[in-house]
Amino acid sequence: MAEGLPAFGCFEAGPDQAATAVKWKKWIARLTNLLVAMNITEAPRKRALLLHYLGESNNDVFDTLPNTKAGNTEDAFQKAVDVLTAYFAPQQNREYEVPRYTSFGKLNKSHTKTSLNSTRVSDN
């Protein structure tokens, strides 16, 4: 008797790249846990389930990405995960992003203080 697939939400990418990267990493970790729970160990089956659970629109994106086919010595599932990770969670230059974020925060704090001070009502 064939069993149906368990319910598992599709991956939903958003417009914010940083948020999408975090969501992708969480989603792929949950999918990997599901595959372990289902005792799916063969790479081609894992890849097929990855693409199924990815959702129709993301599967269409996958079809347009280069180098998605695994070679003879490559793990088909891991190859698909690597290609999708490069798409959904591209590498960030953390040495650049941290100072940029920090200076942005300082800029906003000083602007907020100025705005609050300029709108303060005098007690006189």
PDB file of N, CA and C in Angstrom:
ATOM      1  N   MET A   1       0.840  -1.167   0.000  1.00  0.00           N
ATOM      2  CA  MET A   1       0.000   0.000   0.000  1.00  0.00           C
ATOM      3  C   MET A   1       0.895   1.244   0.000  1.00  0.00           C
ATOM      4  N   ALA A   2       0.628   2.160  -0.882  1.00  0.00           N
ATOM      5  CA  ALA A   2       1.406   3.392  -0.971  1.00  0.00           C
ATOM      6  C   ALA A   2       0.913   4.390   0.064  1.00  0.00           C
ATOM      7  N   GLU A   3       1.870   5.067   0.658  1.00  0.00           N
ATOM      8  CA  GLU A   3       1.534   6.090   1.641  1.00  0.00           C
ATOM      9  C   GLU A   3       1.625   7.458   0.988  1.00  0.00           C
ATOM     10  N   GLY A   4       0.799   8.371   1.452  1.00  0.00           N
ATOM     11  CA  GLY A   4       0.884   9.741   0.967  1.00  0.00           C
ATOM     12  C   GLY A   4       2.042  10.455   1.634  1.00  0.00           C
ATOM     13  N   LEU A   5       2.457  11.544   1.035  1.00  0.00           N
ATOM     14  CA  LEU A   5       3.537  12.341   1.614  1.00  0.00           C
ATOM     15  C   LEU A   5       3.007  13.163   2.780  1.00  0.00           C
ATOM     16  N   PRO A   6       3.820  13.330   3.817  1.00  0.00           N
ATOM     17  CA  PRO A   6       3.377  14.170   4.937  1.00  0.00           C
ATOM     18  C   PRO A   6       3.304  15.635   4.516  1.00  0.00           C
ATOM     19  N   ALA A   7       2.446  16.361   5.194  1.00  0.00           N
ATOM     20  CA  ALA A   7       2.318  17.791   4.910  1.00  0.00           C
ATOM     21  C   ALA A   7       3.593  18.507   5.349  1.00  0.00           C
ATOM     22  N   PHE A   8       4.051  19.395   4.508  1.00  0.00           N
ATOM     23  CA  PHE A   8       5.240  20.192   4.801  1.00  0.00           C
ATOM     24  C   PHE A   8       5.138  21.438   3.942  1.00  0.00           C
ATOM     25  N   GLY A   9       5.208  22.586   4.569  1.00  0.00           N
ATOM     26  CA  GLY A   9       5.021  23.849   3.861  1.00  0.00           C
ATOM     27  C   GLY A   9       6.081  24.118   2.803  1.00  0.00           C
ATOM     28  N   CYS A  10       5.655  24.723   1.709  1.00  0.00           N
ATOM     29  CA  CYS A  10       6.578  25.121   0.647  1.00  0.00           C
ATOM     30  C   CYS A  10       7.456  26.262   1.136  1.00  0.00           C
ATOM     31  N   PHE A  11       8.595  26.412   0.505  1.00  0.00           N
ATOM     32  CA  PHE A  11       9.476  27.524   0.843  1.00  0.00           C
ATOM     33  C   PHE A  11       8.915  28.790   0.232  1.00  0.00           C
ATOM     34  N   GLU A  12       8.816  29.833   1.037  1.00  0.00           N
ATOM     35  CA  GLU A  12       8.292  31.117   0.571  1.00  0.00           C
ATOM     36  C   GLU A  12       9.382  32.171   0.673  1.00  0.00           C
ATOM     37  N   ALA A  13       9.955  32.496  -0.458  1.00  0.00           N
ATOM     38  CA  ALA A  13      10.975  33.546  -0.502  1.00  0.00           C
ATOM     39  C   ALA A  13      10.274  34.894  -0.473  1.00  0.00           C
ATOM     40  N   GLY A  14      10.907  35.855   0.179  1.00  0.00           N
ATOM     41  CA  GLY A  14      10.334  37.193   0.240  1.00  0.00           C
ATOM     42  C   GLY A  14      11.204  38.191  -0.493  1.00  0.00           C
ATOM     43  N   PRO A  15      10.791  39.453  -0.500  1.00  0.00           N
ATOM     44  CA  PRO A  15      11.558  40.474  -1.209  1.00  0.00           C
ATOM     45  C   PRO A  15      12.862  40.851  -0.501  1.00  0.00           C
ATOM     46  N   ASP A  16      12.920  40.648   0.817  1.00  0.00           N
ATOM     47  CA  ASP A  16      14.110  40.995   1.596  1.00  0.00           C
ATOM     48  C   ASP A  16      15.109  39.845   1.533  1.00  0.00           C
ATOM     49  N   GLN A  17      16.265  40.094   0.911  1.00  0.00           N
ATOM     50  CA  GLN A  17      17.249  39.033   0.693  1.00  0.00           C
ATOM     51  C   GLN A  17      17.782  38.467   2.010  1.00  0.00           C
ATOM     52  N   ALA A  18      18.041  39.315   2.989  1.00  0.00           N
ATOM     53  CA  ALA A  18      18.575  38.838   4.268  1.00  0.00           C
ATOM     54  C   ALA A  18      17.567  37.938   4.972  1.00  0.00           C
ATOM     55  N   ALA A  19      16.299  38.336   4.971  1.00  0.00           N
ATOM     56  CA  ALA A  19      15.263  37.518   5.599  1.00  0.00           C
ATOM     57  C   ALA A  19      15.075  36.211   4.838  1.00  0.00           C
ATOM     58  N   THR A  20      15.150  36.277   3.521  1.00  0.00           N
ATOM     59  CA  THR A  20      15.010  35.070   2.704  1.00  0.00           C
ATOM     60  C   THR A  20      16.137  34.092   3.001  1.00  0.00           C
ATOM     61  N   ALA A  21      17.347  34.597   3.178  1.00  0.00           N
ATOM     62  CA  ALA A  21      18.490  33.731   3.484  1.00  0.00           C
ATOM     63  C   ALA A  21      18.275  32.992   4.795  1.00  0.00           C
ATOM     64  N   VAL A  22      17.791  33.686   5.795  1.00  0.00           N
ATOM     65  CA  VAL A  22      17.540  33.056   7.096  1.00  0.00           C
ATOM     66  C   VAL A  22      16.420  32.037   6.980  1.00  0.00           C
ATOM     67  N   LYS A  23      15.333  32.423   6.292  1.00  0.00           N
ATOM     68  CA  LYS A  23      14.212  31.500   6.109  1.00  0.00           C
ATOM     69  C   LYS A  23      14.648  30.254   5.349  1.00  0.00           C
ATOM     70  N   TRP A  24      15.504  30.440   4.326  1.00  0.00           N
ATOM     71  CA  TRP A  24      15.977  29.296   3.539  1.00  0.00           C
ATOM     72  C   TRP A  24      16.763  28.326   4.419  1.00  0.00           C
ATOM     73  N   LYS A  25      17.675  28.847   5.211  1.00  0.00           N
ATOM     74  CA  LYS A  25      18.504  27.983   6.058  1.00  0.00           C
ATOM     75  C   LYS A  25      17.639  27.199   7.044  1.00  0.00           C
ATOM     76  N   LYS A  26      16.626  27.832   7.600  1.00  0.00           N
ATOM     77  CA  LYS A  26      15.720  27.145   8.527  1.00  0.00           C
ATOM     78  C   LYS A  26      14.883  26.103   7.789  1.00  0.00           C
ATOM     79  N   TRP A  27      14.383  26.492   6.612  1.00  0.00           N
ATOM     80  CA  TRP A  27      13.518  25.588   5.859  1.00  0.00           C
ATOM     81  C   TRP A  27      14.272  24.331   5.429  1.00  0.00           C
ATOM     82  N   ILE A  28      15.495  24.503   4.929  1.00  0.00           N
ATOM     83  CA  ILE A  28      16.254  23.339   4.460  1.00  0.00           C
ATOM     84  C   ILE A  28      16.643  22.437   5.630  1.00  0.00           C
ATOM     85  N   ALA A  29      16.891  23.020   6.798  1.00  0.00           N
ATOM     86  CA  ALA A  29      17.185  22.207   7.990  1.00  0.00           C
ATOM     87  C   ALA A  29      15.951  21.391   8.399  1.00  0.00           C
ATOM     88  N   ARG A  30      14.771  22.010   8.338  1.00  0.00           N
ATOM     89  CA  ARG A  30      13.539  21.286   8.674  1.00  0.00           C
ATOM     90  C   ARG A  30      13.256  20.193   7.650  1.00  0.00           C
ATOM     91  N   LEU A  31      13.513  20.470   6.378  1.00  0.00           N
ATOM     92  CA  LEU A  31      13.311  19.450   5.346  1.00  0.00           C
ATOM     93  C   LEU A  31      14.265  18.275   5.564  1.00  0.00           C
ATOM     94  N   THR A  32      15.499  18.570   5.890  1.00  0.00           N
ATOM     95  CA  THR A  32      16.478  17.507   6.152  1.00  0.00           C
ATOM     96  C   THR A  32      16.013  16.643   7.322  1.00  0.00           C
ATOM     97  N   ASN A  33      15.473  17.265   8.365  1.00  0.00           N
ATOM     98  CA  ASN A  33      14.931  16.496   9.496  1.00  0.00           C
ATOM     99  C   ASN A  33      13.775  15.608   9.050  1.00  0.00           C
ATOM    100  N   LEU A  34      12.915  16.140   8.183  1.00  0.00           N
ATOM    101  CA  LEU A  34      11.794  15.349   7.679  1.00  0.00           C
ATOM    102  C   LEU A  34      12.295  14.136   6.898  1.00  0.00           C
ATOM    103  N   LEU A  35      13.305  14.341   6.065  1.00  0.00           N
ATOM    104  CA  LEU A  35      13.849  13.228   5.279  1.00  0.00           C
ATOM    105  C   LEU A  35      14.450  12.153   6.174  1.00  0.00           C
ATOM    106  N   VAL A  36      15.084  12.568   7.258  1.00  0.00           N
ATOM    107  CA  VAL A  36      15.626  11.597   8.223  1.00  0.00           C
ATOM    108  C   VAL A  36      14.477  10.841   8.880  1.00  0.00           C
ATOM    109  N   ALA A  37      13.445  11.563   9.288  1.00  0.00           N
ATOM    110  CA  ALA A  37      12.291  10.922   9.936  1.00  0.00           C
ATOM    111  C   ALA A  37      11.585   9.946   9.001  1.00  0.00           C
ATOM    112  N   MET A  38      11.577  10.259   7.704  1.00  0.00           N
ATOM    113  CA  MET A  38      10.937   9.379   6.722  1.00  0.00           C
ATOM    114  C   MET A  38      11.874   8.260   6.261  1.00  0.00           C
ATOM    115  N   ASN A  39      13.117   8.269   6.761  1.00  0.00           N
ATOM    116  CA  ASN A  39      14.123   7.275   6.404  1.00  0.00           C
ATOM    117  C   ASN A  39      14.415   7.282   4.902  1.00  0.00           C
ATOM    118  N   ILE A  40      14.471   8.479   4.326  1.00  0.00           N
ATOM    119  CA  ILE A  40      14.832   8.640   2.917  1.00  0.00           C
ATOM    120  C   ILE A  40      16.339   8.867   2.879  1.00  0.00           C
ATOM    121  N   THR A  41      17.072   7.921   2.325  1.00  0.00           N
ATOM    122  CA  THR A  41      18.535   8.019   2.333  1.00  0.00           C
ATOM    123  C   THR A  41      19.144   8.143   0.947  1.00  0.00           C
ATOM    124  N   GLU A  42      18.417   7.749  -0.093  1.00  0.00           N
ATOM    125  CA  GLU A  42      18.971   7.800  -1.444  1.00  0.00           C
ATOM    126  C   GLU A  42      18.907   9.228  -1.973  1.00  0.00           C
ATOM    127  N   ALA A  43      20.039   9.704  -2.490  1.00  0.00           N
ATOM    128  CA  ALA A  43      20.143  11.090  -2.961  1.00  0.00           C
ATOM    129  C   ALA A  43      19.100  11.451  -4.035  1.00  0.00           C
ATOM    130  N   PRO A  44      18.840  10.587  -5.018  1.00  0.00           N
ATOM    131  CA  PRO A  44      17.832  10.961  -6.023  1.00  0.00           C
ATOM    132  C   PRO A  44      16.428  11.148  -5.423  1.00  0.00           C
ATOM    133  N   ARG A  45      16.065  10.313  -4.462  1.00  0.00           N
ATOM    134  CA  ARG A  45      14.754  10.459  -3.799  1.00  0.00           C
ATOM    135  C   ARG A  45      14.717  11.717  -2.942  1.00  0.00           C
ATOM    136  N   LYS A  46      15.814  11.997  -2.247  1.00  0.00           N
ATOM    137  CA  LYS A  46      15.878  13.208  -1.428  1.00  0.00           C
ATOM    138  C   LYS A  46      15.748  14.443  -2.313  1.00  0.00           C
ATOM    139  N   ARG A  47      16.419  14.434  -3.456  1.00  0.00           N
ATOM    140  CA  ARG A  47      16.348  15.558  -4.397  1.00  0.00           C
ATOM    141  C   ARG A  47      14.923  15.717  -4.921  1.00  0.00           C
ATOM    142  N   ALA A  48      14.280  14.615  -5.261  1.00  0.00           N
ATOM    143  CA  ALA A  48      12.911  14.672  -5.774  1.00  0.00           C
ATOM    144  C   ALA A  48      11.965  15.272  -4.730  1.00  0.00           C
ATOM    145  N   LEU A  49      12.136  14.876  -3.479  1.00  0.00           N
ATOM    146  CA  LEU A  49      11.292  15.437  -2.420  1.00  0.00           C
ATOM    147  C   LEU A  49      11.616  16.904  -2.161  1.00  0.00           C
ATOM    148  N   LEU A  50      12.883  17.261  -2.240  1.00  0.00           N
ATOM    149  CA  LEU A  50      13.273  18.663  -2.104  1.00  0.00           C
ATOM    150  C   LEU A  50      12.545  19.496  -3.153  1.00  0.00           C
ATOM    151  N   LEU A  51      12.594  19.072  -4.403  1.00  0.00           N
ATOM    152  CA  LEU A  51      11.968  19.830  -5.474  1.00  0.00           C
ATOM    153  C   LEU A  51      10.442  19.828  -5.352  1.00  0.00           C
ATOM    154  N   HIS A  52       9.883  18.744  -4.861  1.00  0.00           N
ATOM    155  CA  HIS A  52       8.434  18.685  -4.655  1.00  0.00           C
ATOM    156  C   HIS A  52       8.008  19.665  -3.564  1.00  0.00           C
ATOM    157  N   TYR A  53       8.678  19.602  -2.423  1.00  0.00           N
ATOM    158  CA  TYR A  53       8.307  20.453  -1.298  1.00  0.00           C
ATOM    159  C   TYR A  53       8.714  21.917  -1.500  1.00  0.00           C
ATOM    160  N   LEU A  54       9.619  22.164  -2.406  1.00  0.00           N
ATOM    161  CA  LEU A  54      10.068  23.524  -2.692  1.00  0.00           C
ATOM    162  C   LEU A  54       8.908  24.395  -3.170  1.00  0.00           C
ATOM    163  N   GLY A  55       7.978  23.794  -3.853  1.00  0.00           N
ATOM    164  CA  GLY A  55       6.824  24.530  -4.364  1.00  0.00           C
ATOM    165  C   GLY A  55       6.979  24.797  -5.853  1.00  0.00           C
ATOM    166  N   GLU A  56       5.868  25.026  -6.504  1.00  0.00           N
ATOM    167  CA  GLU A  56       5.864  25.158  -7.959  1.00  0.00           C
ATOM    168  C   GLU A  56       6.686  26.341  -8.460  1.00  0.00           C
ATOM    169  N   SER A  57       6.490  27.511  -7.874  1.00  0.00           N
ATOM    170  CA  SER A  57       7.208  28.691  -8.381  1.00  0.00           C
ATOM    171  C   SER A  57       8.708  28.586  -8.125  1.00  0.00           C
ATOM    172  N   ASN A  58       9.104  28.064  -6.965  1.00  0.00           N
ATOM    173  CA  ASN A  58      10.528  27.898  -6.676  1.00  0.00           C
ATOM    174  C   ASN A  58      11.132  26.771  -7.507  1.00  0.00           C
ATOM    175  N   ASN A  59      10.334  25.769  -7.820  1.00  0.00           N
ATOM    176  CA  ASN A  59      10.803  24.702  -8.704  1.00  0.00           C
ATOM    177  C   ASN A  59      11.061  25.268 -10.095  1.00  0.00           C
ATOM    178  N   ASP A  60      10.202  26.201 -10.530  1.00  0.00           N
ATOM    179  CA  ASP A  60      10.428  26.866 -11.821  1.00  0.00           C
ATOM    180  C   ASP A  60      11.732  27.660 -11.794  1.00  0.00           C
ATOM    181  N   VAL A  61      12.016  28.315 -10.663  1.00  0.00           N
ATOM    182  CA  VAL A  61      13.277  29.047 -10.509  1.00  0.00           C
ATOM    183  C   VAL A  61      14.445  28.068 -10.618  1.00  0.00           C
ATOM    184  N   PHE A  62      14.335  26.942  -9.920  1.00  0.00           N
ATOM    185  CA  PHE A  62      15.390  25.929  -9.950  1.00  0.00           C
ATOM    186  C   PHE A  62      15.681  25.477 -11.381  1.00  0.00           C
ATOM    187  N   ASP A  63      14.628  25.314 -12.178  1.00  0.00           N
ATOM    188  CA  ASP A  63      14.796  24.876 -13.558  1.00  0.00           C
ATOM    189  C   ASP A  63      15.592  25.873 -14.400  1.00  0.00           C
ATOM    190  N   THR A  64      15.623  27.133 -13.990  1.00  0.00           N
ATOM    191  CA  THR A  64      16.357  28.155 -14.746  1.00  0.00           C
ATOM    192  C   THR A  64      17.796  28.328 -14.268  1.00  0.00           C
ATOM    193  N   LEU A  65      18.151  27.747 -13.128  1.00  0.00           N
ATOM    194  CA  LEU A  65      19.490  27.927 -12.573  1.00  0.00           C
ATOM    195  C   LEU A  65      20.507  27.055 -13.311  1.00  0.00           C
ATOM    196  N   PRO A  66      21.740  27.547 -13.451  1.00  0.00           N
ATOM    197  CA  PRO A  66      22.775  26.757 -14.123  1.00  0.00           C
ATOM    198  C   PRO A  66      23.358  25.689 -13.193  1.00  0.00           C
ATOM    199  N   ASN A  67      23.934  24.681 -13.765  1.00  0.00           N
ATOM    200  CA  ASN A  67      24.674  23.640 -13.039  1.00  0.00           C
ATOM    201  C   ASN A  67      23.853  22.954 -11.957  1.00  0.00           C
ATOM    202  N   THR A  68      22.657  22.514 -12.312  1.00  0.00           N
ATOM    203  CA  THR A  68      21.819  21.829 -11.328  1.00  0.00           C
ATOM    204  C   THR A  68      21.942  20.309 -11.399  1.00  0.00           C
ATOM    205  N   LYS A  69      22.511  19.809 -12.456  1.00  0.00           N
ATOM    206  CA  LYS A  69      22.676  18.354 -12.613  1.00  0.00           C
ATOM    207  C   LYS A  69      23.913  17.888 -11.871  1.00  0.00           C
ATOM    208  N   ALA A  70      23.748  16.830 -11.108  1.00  0.00           N
ATOM    209  CA  ALA A  70      24.873  16.264 -10.369  1.00  0.00           C
ATOM    210  C   ALA A  70      25.691  15.356 -11.278  1.00  0.00           C
ATOM    211  N   GLY A  71      26.993  15.413 -11.104  1.00  0.00           N
ATOM    212  CA  GLY A  71      27.881  14.522 -11.847  1.00  0.00           C
ATOM    213  C   GLY A  71      27.823  13.109 -11.288  1.00  0.00           C
ATOM    214  N   ASN A  72      28.579  12.214 -11.894  1.00  0.00           N
ATOM    215  CA  ASN A  72      28.568  10.801 -11.466  1.00  0.00           C
ATOM    216  C   ASN A  72      29.021  10.614 -10.020  1.00  0.00           C
ATOM    217  N   THR A  73      29.930  11.457  -9.563  1.00  0.00           N
ATOM    218  CA  THR A  73      30.455  11.291  -8.209  1.00  0.00           C
ATOM    219  C   THR A  73      29.810  12.238  -7.205  1.00  0.00           C
ATOM    220  N   GLU A  74      28.887  13.088  -7.669  1.00  0.00           N
ATOM    221  CA  GLU A  74      28.255  14.059  -6.775  1.00  0.00           C
ATOM    222  C   GLU A  74      26.944  13.529  -6.211  1.00  0.00           C
ATOM    223  N   ASP A  75      26.615  13.995  -5.025  1.00  0.00           N
ATOM    224  CA  ASP A  75      25.343  13.692  -4.376  1.00  0.00           C
ATOM    225  C   ASP A  75      24.284  14.605  -5.008  1.00  0.00           C
ATOM    226  N   ALA A  76      23.267  14.020  -5.637  1.00  0.00           N
ATOM    227  CA  ALA A  76      22.255  14.789  -6.357  1.00  0.00           C
ATOM    228  C   ALA A  76      21.488  15.733  -5.435  1.00  0.00           C
ATOM    229  N   PHE A  77      21.187  15.267  -4.221  1.00  0.00           N
ATOM    230  CA  PHE A  77      20.483  16.111  -3.250  1.00  0.00           C
ATOM    231  C   PHE A  77      21.357  17.279  -2.821  1.00  0.00           C
ATOM    232  N   GLN A  78      22.588  17.001  -2.452  1.00  0.00           N
ATOM    233  CA  GLN A  78      23.478  18.057  -1.969  1.00  0.00           C
ATOM    234  C   GLN A  78      23.769  19.078  -3.063  1.00  0.00           C
ATOM    235  N   LYS A  79      23.874  18.613  -4.303  1.00  0.00           N
ATOM    236  CA  LYS A  79      24.098  19.523  -5.426  1.00  0.00           C
ATOM    237  C   LYS A  79      22.922  20.493  -5.552  1.00  0.00           C
ATOM    238  N   ALA A  80      21.703  19.977  -5.456  1.00  0.00           N
ATOM    239  CA  ALA A  80      20.509  20.824  -5.544  1.00  0.00           C
ATOM    240  C   ALA A  80      20.458  21.815  -4.379  1.00  0.00           C
ATOM    241  N   VAL A  81      20.780  21.342  -3.179  1.00  0.00           N
ATOM    242  CA  VAL A  81      20.798  22.230  -2.006  1.00  0.00           C
ATOM    243  C   VAL A  81      21.840  23.329  -2.192  1.00  0.00           C
ATOM    244  N   ASP A  82      23.010  22.970  -2.675  1.00  0.00           N
ATOM    245  CA  ASP A  82      24.080  23.959  -2.871  1.00  0.00           C
ATOM    246  C   ASP A  82      23.675  25.025  -3.892  1.00  0.00           C
ATOM    247  N   VAL A  83      23.062  24.601  -4.990  1.00  0.00           N
ATOM    248  CA  VAL A  83      22.634  25.548  -6.028  1.00  0.00           C
ATOM    249  C   VAL A  83      21.540  26.467  -5.484  1.00  0.00           C
ATOM    250  N   LEU A  84      20.586  25.897  -4.764  1.00  0.00           N
ATOM    251  CA  LEU A  84      19.499  26.705  -4.208  1.00  0.00           C
ATOM    252  C   LEU A  84      20.001  27.633  -3.104  1.00  0.00           C
ATOM    253  N   THR A  85      20.949  27.176  -2.315  1.00  0.00           N
ATOM    254  CA  THR A  85      21.528  28.026  -1.269  1.00  0.00           C
ATOM    255  C   THR A  85      22.261  29.206  -1.893  1.00  0.00           C
ATOM    256  N   ALA A  86      22.982  28.953  -2.968  1.00  0.00           N
ATOM    257  CA  ALA A  86      23.673  30.050  -3.665  1.00  0.00           C
ATOM    258  C   ALA A  86      22.670  31.062  -4.204  1.00  0.00           C
ATOM    259  N   TYR A  87      21.477  30.601  -4.560  1.00  0.00           N
ATOM    260  CA  TYR A  87      20.454  31.503  -5.086  1.00  0.00           C
ATOM    261  C   TYR A  87      19.717  32.246  -3.970  1.00  0.00           C
ATOM    262  N   PHE A  88      19.254  31.513  -2.952  1.00  0.00           N
ATOM    263  CA  PHE A  88      18.436  32.116  -1.904  1.00  0.00           C
ATOM    264  C   PHE A  88      19.245  32.782  -0.796  1.00  0.00           C
ATOM    265  N   ALA A  89      20.448  32.311  -0.573  1.00  0.00           N
ATOM    266  CA  ALA A  89      21.275  32.848   0.517  1.00  0.00           C
ATOM    267  C   ALA A  89      22.682  33.117   0.020  1.00  0.00           C
ATOM    268  N   PRO A  90      22.838  34.076  -0.903  1.00  0.00           N
ATOM    269  CA  PRO A  90      24.178  34.341  -1.434  1.00  0.00           C
ATOM    270  C   PRO A  90      25.115  34.812  -0.330  1.00  0.00           C
ATOM    271  N   GLN A  91      26.399  34.593  -0.558  1.00  0.00           N
ATOM    272  CA  GLN A  91      27.402  34.989   0.427  1.00  0.00           C
ATOM    273  C   GLN A  91      27.359  36.489   0.628  1.00  0.00           C
ATOM    274  N   GLN A  92      27.529  36.893   1.867  1.00  0.00           N
ATOM    275  CA  GLN A  92      27.578  38.308   2.191  1.00  0.00           C
ATOM    276  C   GLN A  92      28.967  38.641   2.680  1.00  0.00           C
ATOM    277  N   ASN A  93      29.410  39.835   2.397  1.00  0.00           N
ATOM    278  CA  ASN A  93      30.699  40.305   2.885  1.00  0.00           C
ATOM    279  C   ASN A  93      30.474  40.830   4.294  1.00  0.00           C
ATOM    280  N   ARG A  94      30.657  39.970   5.283  1.00  0.00           N
ATOM    281  CA  ARG A  94      30.365  40.348   6.664  1.00  0.00           C
ATOM    282  C   ARG A  94      31.281  41.459   7.161  1.00  0.00           C
ATOM    283  N   GLU A  95      32.530  41.520   6.675  1.00  0.00           N
ATOM    284  CA  GLU A  95      33.435  42.590   7.100  1.00  0.00           C
ATOM    285  C   GLU A  95      32.927  43.946   6.624  1.00  0.00           C
ATOM    286  N   TYR A  96      32.197  43.960   5.516  1.00  0.00           N
ATOM    287  CA  TYR A  96      31.621  45.195   5.006  1.00  0.00           C
ATOM    288  C   TYR A  96      30.280  45.476   5.679  1.00  0.00           C
ATOM    289  N   GLU A  97      29.456  44.433   5.825  1.00  0.00           N
ATOM    290  CA  GLU A  97      28.104  44.616   6.328  1.00  0.00           C
ATOM    291  C   GLU A  97      28.062  45.067   7.786  1.00  0.00           C
ATOM    292  N   VAL A  98      28.932  44.544   8.646  1.00  0.00           N
ATOM    293  CA  VAL A  98      28.886  44.897  10.070  1.00  0.00           C
ATOM    294  C   VAL A  98      29.181  46.374  10.282  1.00  0.00           C
ATOM    295  N   PRO A  99      30.288  46.946   9.740  1.00  0.00           N
ATOM    296  CA  PRO A  99      30.507  48.376   9.940  1.00  0.00           C
ATOM    297  C   PRO A  99      29.408  49.220   9.293  1.00  0.00           C
ATOM    298  N   ARG A 100      28.907  48.799   8.151  1.00  0.00           N
ATOM    299  CA  ARG A 100      27.846  49.548   7.488  1.00  0.00           C
ATOM    300  C   ARG A 100      26.602  49.581   8.359  1.00  0.00           C
ATOM    301  N   TYR A 101      26.254  48.452   8.951  1.00  0.00           N
ATOM    302  CA  TYR A 101      25.096  48.374   9.828  1.00  0.00           C
ATOM    303  C   TYR A 101      25.322  49.227  11.074  1.00  0.00           C
ATOM    304  N   THR A 102      26.515  49.131  11.635  1.00  0.00           N
ATOM    305  CA  THR A 102      26.836  49.891  12.835  1.00  0.00           C
ATOM    306  C   THR A 102      26.760  51.391  12.562  1.00  0.00           C
ATOM    307  N   SER A 103      27.346  51.842  11.472  1.00  0.00           N
ATOM    308  CA  SER A 103      27.305  53.270  11.173  1.00  0.00           C
ATOM    309  C   SER A 103      25.886  53.717  10.854  1.00  0.00           C
ATOM    310  N   PHE A 104      25.095  52.860  10.245  1.00  0.00           N
ATOM    311  CA  PHE A 104      23.707  53.185   9.967  1.00  0.00           C
ATOM    312  C   PHE A 104      22.953  53.372  11.279  1.00  0.00           C
ATOM    313  N   GLY A 105      23.199  52.479  12.242  1.00  0.00           N
ATOM    314  CA  GLY A 105      22.545  52.592  13.552  1.00  0.00           C
ATOM    315  C   GLY A 105      22.930  53.875  14.254  1.00  0.00           C
ATOM    316  N   LYS A 106      24.207  54.247  14.209  1.00  0.00           N
ATOM    317  CA  LYS A 106      24.658  55.493  14.839  1.00  0.00           C
ATOM    318  C   LYS A 106      24.013  56.691  14.168  1.00  0.00           C
ATOM    319  N   LEU A 107      23.925  56.656  12.858  1.00  0.00           N
ATOM    320  CA  LEU A 107      23.314  57.742  12.119  1.00  0.00           C
ATOM    321  C   LEU A 107      21.856  57.900  12.529  1.00  0.00           C
ATOM    322  N   ASN A 108      21.133  56.811  12.608  1.00  0.00           N
ATOM    323  CA  ASN A 108      19.721  56.878  12.972  1.00  0.00           C
ATOM    324  C   ASN A 108      19.530  57.367  14.403  1.00  0.00           C
ATOM    325  N   LYS A 109      20.390  56.937  15.334  1.00  0.00           N
ATOM    326  CA  LYS A 109      20.262  57.372  16.724  1.00  0.00           C
ATOM    327  C   LYS A 109      20.492  58.873  16.833  1.00  0.00           C
ATOM    328  N   SER A 110      21.505  59.392  16.156  1.00  0.00           N
ATOM    329  CA  SER A 110      21.774  60.827  16.244  1.00  0.00           C
ATOM    330  C   SER A 110      20.651  61.611  15.581  1.00  0.00           C
ATOM    331  N   HIS A 111      20.113  61.093  14.491  1.00  0.00           N
ATOM    332  CA  HIS A 111      19.014  61.767  13.812  1.00  0.00           C
ATOM    333  C   HIS A 111      17.779  61.776  14.713  1.00  0.00           C
ATOM    334  N   THR A 112      17.523  60.664  15.394  1.00  0.00           N
ATOM    335  CA  THR A 112      16.371  60.573  16.283  1.00  0.00           C
ATOM    336  C   THR A 112      16.511  61.556  17.428  1.00  0.00           C
ATOM    337  N   LYS A 113      17.707  61.664  18.034  1.00  0.00           N
ATOM    338  CA  LYS A 113      17.918  62.615  19.125  1.00  0.00           C
ATOM    339  C   LYS A 113      17.673  64.035  18.646  1.00  0.00           C
ATOM    340  N   THR A 114      18.184  64.359  17.488  1.00  0.00           N
ATOM    341  CA  THR A 114      17.996  65.697  16.936  1.00  0.00           C
ATOM    342  C   THR A 114      16.517  65.963  16.712  1.00  0.00           C
ATOM    343  N   SER A 115      15.819  64.999  16.159  1.00  0.00           N
ATOM    344  CA  SER A 115      14.400  65.179  15.884  1.00  0.00           C
ATOM    345  C   SER A 115      13.623  65.364  17.177  1.00  0.00           C
ATOM    346  N   LEU A 116      13.926  64.578  18.196  1.00  0.00           N
ATOM    347  CA  LEU A 116      13.230  64.697  19.461  1.00  0.00           C
ATOM    348  C   LEU A 116      13.549  66.028  20.142  1.00  0.00           C
ATOM    349  N   ASN A 117      14.802  66.434  20.102  1.00  0.00           N
ATOM    350  CA  ASN A 117      15.189  67.688  20.731  1.00  0.00           C
ATOM    351  C   ASN A 117      14.548  68.873  20.031  1.00  0.00           C
ATOM    352  N   SER A 118      14.430  68.823  18.739  1.00  0.00           N
ATOM    353  CA  SER A 118      13.868  69.948  17.991  1.00  0.00           C
ATOM    354  C   SER A 118      12.368  70.061  18.174  1.00  0.00           C
ATOM    355  N   THR A 119      11.703  68.970  18.557  1.00  0.00           N
ATOM    356  CA  THR A 119      10.253  69.023  18.742  1.00  0.00           C
ATOM    357  C   THR A 119       9.859  69.169  20.203  1.00  0.00           C
ATOM    358  N   ARG A 120      10.832  69.207  21.087  1.00  0.00           N
ATOM    359  CA  ARG A 120      10.562  69.336  22.514  1.00  0.00           C
ATOM    360  C   ARG A 120       9.903  70.702  22.792  1.00  0.00           C
ATOM    361  N   VAL A 121       8.864  70.694  23.593  1.00  0.00           N
ATOM    362  CA  VAL A 121       8.146  71.916  23.929  1.00  0.00           C
ATOM    363  C   VAL A 121       8.783  72.536  25.148  1.00  0.00           C
ATOM    364  N   SER A 122       9.000  73.800  25.126  1.00  0.00           N
ATOM    365  CA  SER A 122       9.611  74.519  26.238  1.00  0.00           C
ATOM    366  C   SER A 122       8.622  74.676  27.373  1.00  0.00           C
ATOM    367  N   ASP A 123       9.130  74.561  28.627  1.00  0.00           N
ATOM    368  CA  ASP A 123       8.266  74.730  29.806  1.00  0.00           C
ATOM    369  C   ASP A 123       8.056  76.198  30.153  1.00  0.00           C
ATOM    370  N   ASN A 124       8.795  77.078  29.550  1.00  0.00           N
ATOM    371  CA  ASN A 124       8.704  78.515  29.901  1.00  0.00           C
ATOM    372  C   ASN A 124       7.445  79.113  29.427  1.00  0.00           C
TER     373      ASN A 124
END
